[in-house]
Structures are given as structure tokens and as C-alpha cells.
Amino acid sequence: MNQTKIKITKRMAAIDKDGKRYTIIEYTTFHDASEFGIPVRWEPVKKKYKLADGTPINRPSDTEFEAMLPGGIIKLSILP
């Protein structure tokens, strides 16, 4: 049986060029890669990112994100 699950795997603080802070949430999709179902072995397949309010965002690099907000696209940088 091919099962998948999605889990929150990371929360990151980010900031835009105007100093406004955001929380980015990383969601990872896992699929069951076990043989015969015992034991279950979950392997990560893909990651998606959203702001804390649910707005989807893109990740063009390891340290930058882009969010489409009503005012346009904003670039976010991860805070240390």
C-alpha cells in the first residue's frame, strides 16, 4: 500500500527588506518506503513552504524565500 503523510519539519524566522518579520513553516511530504509494511519506513519526498498565515512561498535559494502578497512579491531572508 502506498501511503503518504505531511508533517511540519521546521519553523524559521525571516525578515523582509523593510524589517518586517515573518515565520516560515516547512512542510515535508513523506511516503512509506517499507517493504511488506513492517516496519513502516517513512522517507522524505518533497518540501513545501508557507508563511504562518498559510501564504505559499517559493524558495529560490538556501537563504532566500519569495512570497506573493497583496502588495506584490516580497523577498525574505532567513534570520540566524
C-alpha atoms as a PDB file:
ATOM      1  CA  MET A   1       0.000   0.000   0.000  1.00  0.00           C
ATOM      2  CA  ASN A   2       1.412   3.403  -0.994  1.00  0.00           C
ATOM      3  CA  GLN A   3       0.849   5.775   1.919  1.00  0.00           C
ATOM      4  CA  THR A   4       1.975   9.374   2.336  1.00  0.00           C
ATOM      5  CA  LYS A   5       1.888  11.863   5.168  1.00  0.00           C
ATOM      6  CA  ILE A   6       2.762  15.538   5.566  1.00  0.00           C
ATOM      7  CA  LYS A   7       4.457  16.889   8.677  1.00  0.00           C
ATOM      8  CA  ILE A   8       5.751  20.253   9.830  1.00  0.00           C
ATOM      9  CA  THR A   9       9.507  19.729   9.930  1.00  0.00           C
ATOM     10  CA  LYS A  10      10.884  23.210  10.590  1.00  0.00           C
ATOM     11  CA  ARG A  11       9.945  26.755  11.588  1.00  0.00           C
ATOM     12  CA  MET A  12      12.188  29.629  10.547  1.00  0.00           C
ATOM     13  CA  ALA A  13      12.256  33.322  11.353  1.00  0.00           C
ATOM     14  CA  ALA A  14      12.626  35.572   8.312  1.00  0.00           C
ATOM     15  CA  ILE A  15      12.747  39.284   7.565  1.00  0.00           C
ATOM     16  CA  ASP A  16      11.933  41.424   4.509  1.00  0.00           C
ATOM     17  CA  LYS A  17      13.894  44.465   3.267  1.00  0.00           C
ATOM     18  CA  ASP A  18      11.725  46.792   5.382  1.00  0.00           C
ATOM     19  CA  GLY A  19      12.463  44.889   8.582  1.00  0.00           C
ATOM     20  CA  LYS A  20       9.086  43.185   8.901  1.00  0.00           C
ATOM     21  CA  ARG A  21       9.392  39.733  10.463  1.00  0.00           C
ATOM     22  CA  TYR A  22       7.678  36.564   9.280  1.00  0.00           C
ATOM     23  CA  THR A  23       7.530  32.922  10.311  1.00  0.00           C
ATOM     24  CA  ILE A  24       8.174  30.391   7.557  1.00  0.00           C
ATOM     25  CA  ILE A  25       6.921  26.856   8.065  1.00  0.00           C
ATOM     26  CA  GLU A  26       8.487  23.930   6.207  1.00  0.00           C
ATOM     27  CA  TYR A  27       6.156  21.029   5.385  1.00  0.00           C
ATOM     28  CA  THR A  28       7.709  17.735   4.305  1.00  0.00           C
ATOM     29  CA  THR A  29       5.805  15.030   2.448  1.00  0.00           C
ATOM     30  CA  PHE A  30       6.885  11.506   3.383  1.00  0.00           C
ATOM     31  CA  HIS A  31       5.988   8.257   1.705  1.00  0.00           C
ATOM     32  CA  ASP A  32       6.009   4.753   3.126  1.00  0.00           C
ATOM     33  CA  ALA A  33       9.084   3.074   1.634  1.00  0.00           C
ATOM     34  CA  SER A  34       8.874  -0.096   3.687  1.00  0.00           C
ATOM     35  CA  GLU A  35       8.558  -3.480   2.107  1.00  0.00           C
ATOM     36  CA  PHE A  36       5.529  -5.518   3.153  1.00  0.00           C
ATOM     37  CA  GLY A  37       4.519  -2.724   5.589  1.00  0.00           C
ATOM     38  CA  ILE A  38       6.536  -3.947   8.589  1.00  0.00           C
ATOM     39  CA  PRO A  39       8.234  -1.942   9.929  1.00  0.00           C
ATOM     40  CA  VAL A  40       6.953   1.255   8.393  1.00  0.00           C
ATOM     41  CA  ARG A  41       9.817   3.320   6.979  1.00  0.00           C
ATOM     42  CA  TRP A  42       8.934   6.909   6.079  1.00  0.00           C
ATOM     43  CA  GLU A  43      11.206   8.656   3.564  1.00  0.00           C
ATOM     44  CA  PRO A  44      11.042  12.386   2.716  1.00  0.00           C
ATOM     45  CA  VAL A  45       9.850  13.095  -0.826  1.00  0.00           C
ATOM     46  CA  LYS A  46       9.364  16.859  -1.169  1.00  0.00           C
ATOM     47  CA  LYS A  47       9.195  20.059   0.836  1.00  0.00           C
ATOM     48  CA  LYS A  48       6.761  22.985   0.652  1.00  0.00           C
ATOM     49  CA  TYR A  49       6.973  26.300   2.431  1.00  0.00           C
ATOM     50  CA  LYS A  50       4.273  28.627   3.729  1.00  0.00           C
ATOM     51  CA  LEU A  51       4.093  31.688   5.897  1.00  0.00           C
ATOM     52  CA  ALA A  52       2.457  31.208   9.296  1.00  0.00           C
ATOM     53  CA  ASP A  53      -0.779  32.665   7.847  1.00  0.00           C
ATOM     54  CA  GLY A  54      -0.848  29.950   5.145  1.00  0.00           C
ATOM     55  CA  THR A  55       0.504  32.020   2.240  1.00  0.00           C
ATOM     56  CA  PRO A  56       2.526  29.713  -0.052  1.00  0.00           C
ATOM     57  CA  ILE A  57       6.098  30.777  -0.731  1.00  0.00           C
ATOM     58  CA  ASN A  58       8.926  29.785  -3.072  1.00  0.00           C
ATOM     59  CA  ARG A  59      12.499  29.035  -2.078  1.00  0.00           C
ATOM     60  CA  PRO A  60      14.860  30.161  -4.862  1.00  0.00           C
ATOM     61  CA  SER A  61      17.985  29.569  -2.703  1.00  0.00           C
ATOM     62  CA  ASP A  62      19.023  28.120   0.656  1.00  0.00           C
ATOM     63  CA  THR A  63      18.784  31.519   2.369  1.00  0.00           C
ATOM     64  CA  GLU A  64      16.032  33.363   0.459  1.00  0.00           C
ATOM     65  CA  PHE A  65      12.302  32.951   0.033  1.00  0.00           C
ATOM     66  CA  GLU A  66       9.699  34.789  -2.051  1.00  0.00           C
ATOM     67  CA  ALA A  67       6.088  35.353  -1.049  1.00  0.00           C
ATOM     68  CA  MET A  68       3.269  36.709  -3.237  1.00  0.00           C
ATOM     69  CA  LEU A  69       1.357  39.134  -1.043  1.00  0.00           C
ATOM     70  CA  PRO A  70      -1.348  41.674  -1.959  1.00  0.00           C
ATOM     71  CA  GLY A  71       1.339  44.354  -2.372  1.00  0.00           C
ATOM     72  CA  GLY A  72       3.403  42.181  -4.735  1.00  0.00           C
ATOM     73  CA  ILE A  73       6.270  39.752  -4.383  1.00  0.00           C
ATOM     74  CA  ILE A  74       8.428  40.190  -1.307  1.00  0.00           C
ATOM     75  CA  LYS A  75      11.820  38.649  -0.729  1.00  0.00           C
ATOM     76  CA  LEU A  76      12.528  37.164   2.671  1.00  0.00           C
ATOM     77  CA  SER A  77      15.861  36.331   4.249  1.00  0.00           C
ATOM     78  CA  ILE A  78      16.305  33.749   6.993  1.00  0.00           C
ATOM     79  CA  LEU A  79      17.390  35.166  10.338  1.00  0.00           C
ATOM     80  CA  PRO A  80      20.297  33.485  12.150  1.00  0.00           C
END
